[in-house]
Amino acid sequence: MIKKYEQIEPLILIDIPIGLKNGGKGERLPDLGARRILKARKSSIFPIPCREAVYMESYKKACEVNEKLTGKRISKQAWNIVSKIRDVNNFLVENEIFRKKKGSGT
């Protein structure tokens, strides 16, 4: 018997970090949770640059800014997806409706 599933609202999955930190020590909670779930593949979740570093024009400057604000430089792996992180962050800044968290009321 084939079950028929009805999609009530659209589901959008994005494999790009959202919810950038402005600075400070420690990792984002979503990254810690994802590593816990992925176990053996946890190394595929790498630290994400802070918001200001994401908007730097060069890897060197992004590293300097991130180190100043978080105490850590950024990886080349993170730098290689910075343009995509910017795209998603800009989209969320410009489209408030998509920033709402399901069930949180915000």
Protein backbone atom coordinates (compact mmCIF):
# COMPACT_ATOMS: atom_id res chain seq x y z
CA MET A 1 0.00 0.00 0.00
CA ILE A 2 1.38 3.40 -0.99
CA LYS A 3 0.90 6.19 1.51
CA LYS A 4 0.14 9.62 0.18
CA TYR A 5 1.80 12.50 2.00
CA GLU A 6 0.45 15.99 1.88
CA GLN A 7 2.85 18.86 2.23
CA ILE A 8 1.23 21.50 4.41
CA GLU A 9 3.82 24.24 4.04
CA PRO A 10 6.94 24.46 1.94
CA LEU A 11 10.10 23.05 3.43
CA ILE A 12 13.34 24.78 2.51
CA LEU A 13 16.63 23.09 3.35
CA ILE A 14 19.85 25.08 2.95
CA ASP A 15 23.33 23.65 3.41
CA ILE A 16 24.79 27.06 4.25
CA PRO A 17 25.22 28.41 7.79
CA ILE A 18 22.63 30.94 8.92
CA GLY A 19 22.46 32.85 12.18
CA LEU A 20 25.92 34.42 12.17
CA LYS A 21 27.51 35.49 15.43
CA ASN A 22 28.64 39.08 15.90
CA GLY A 23 31.67 37.92 17.88
CA GLY A 24 32.54 36.26 21.15
CA LYS A 25 34.13 33.01 22.17
CA GLY A 26 32.59 29.60 21.64
CA GLU A 27 30.82 27.97 18.75
CA ARG A 28 27.28 28.38 17.49
CA LEU A 29 24.82 25.98 19.11
CA PRO A 30 23.60 24.61 15.74
CA ASP A 31 27.18 23.60 14.89
CA LEU A 32 27.63 21.79 18.20
CA GLY A 33 24.32 19.97 17.74
CA ALA A 34 25.11 18.99 14.15
CA ARG A 35 28.49 17.54 15.19
CA ARG A 36 26.80 15.50 17.90
CA ILE A 37 24.34 14.07 15.37
CA LEU A 38 26.91 13.40 12.63
CA LYS A 39 29.42 11.69 14.94
CA ALA A 40 31.95 10.12 12.52
CA ARG A 41 31.34 12.88 9.95
CA LYS A 42 31.46 15.71 12.48
CA SER A 43 34.55 17.20 10.84
CA SER A 44 32.34 18.26 7.93
CA ILE A 45 30.90 20.95 10.25
CA PHE A 46 33.57 23.62 10.42
CA PRO A 47 33.56 26.89 12.40
CA ILE A 48 31.80 29.73 10.63
CA PRO A 49 33.20 33.27 10.48
CA CYS A 50 31.49 36.00 12.46
CA ARG A 51 29.20 38.42 10.61
CA GLU A 52 31.79 41.19 10.12
CA ALA A 53 34.42 38.76 8.78
CA VAL A 54 31.95 37.39 6.22
CA TYR A 55 31.78 40.85 4.64
CA MET A 56 35.54 41.35 4.30
CA GLU A 57 36.97 41.48 0.77
CA SER A 58 39.99 39.25 1.36
CA TYR A 59 40.82 36.09 3.26
CA LYS A 60 43.62 37.88 5.10
CA LYS A 61 41.35 40.69 6.30
CA ALA A 62 38.56 38.23 7.20
CA CYS A 63 41.05 36.25 9.33
CA GLU A 64 42.23 39.42 11.10
CA VAL A 65 38.68 40.60 11.85
CA ASN A 66 37.48 37.17 12.97
CA GLU A 67 40.50 36.72 15.25
CA LYS A 68 39.94 40.16 16.78
CA LEU A 69 36.25 39.44 17.47
CA THR A 70 36.32 35.71 18.32
CA GLY A 71 39.92 34.84 19.14
CA LYS A 72 40.19 32.51 16.11
CA ARG A 73 41.13 32.88 12.47
CA ILE A 74 38.90 31.33 9.81
CA SER A 75 39.65 28.28 7.72
CA LYS A 76 40.13 28.29 3.96
CA GLN A 77 37.15 25.91 3.84
CA ALA A 78 34.94 28.57 5.46
CA TRP A 79 36.37 31.32 3.25
CA ASN A 80 35.53 29.31 0.14
CA ILE A 81 31.79 29.52 0.93
CA VAL A 82 31.74 33.10 2.26
CA SER A 83 30.01 34.44 -0.86
CA LYS A 84 27.17 31.94 -0.35
CA ILE A 85 26.96 32.78 3.37
CA ARG A 86 26.67 36.47 2.39
CA ASP A 87 23.92 35.65 -0.11
CA VAL A 88 21.81 33.80 2.46
CA ASN A 89 22.46 36.40 5.17
CA ASN A 90 21.47 39.25 2.82
CA PHE A 91 18.32 37.38 1.80
CA LEU A 92 17.31 36.93 5.43
CA VAL A 93 18.03 40.58 6.27
CA GLU A 94 15.87 41.71 3.34
CA ASN A 95 13.03 39.19 3.88
CA GLU A 96 11.85 39.24 7.47
CA ILE A 97 9.15 36.61 6.89
CA PHE A 98 11.84 33.96 6.33
CA ARG A 99 13.63 34.83 9.59
CA LYS A 100 10.74 33.62 11.71
CA LYS A 101 11.42 30.41 13.58
CA LYS A 102 8.64 27.87 13.51
CA GLY A 103 6.97 27.66 16.89
CA SER A 104 8.98 30.51 18.42
CA GLY A 105 6.65 33.36 17.49
CA THR A 106 9.59 35.49 16.40
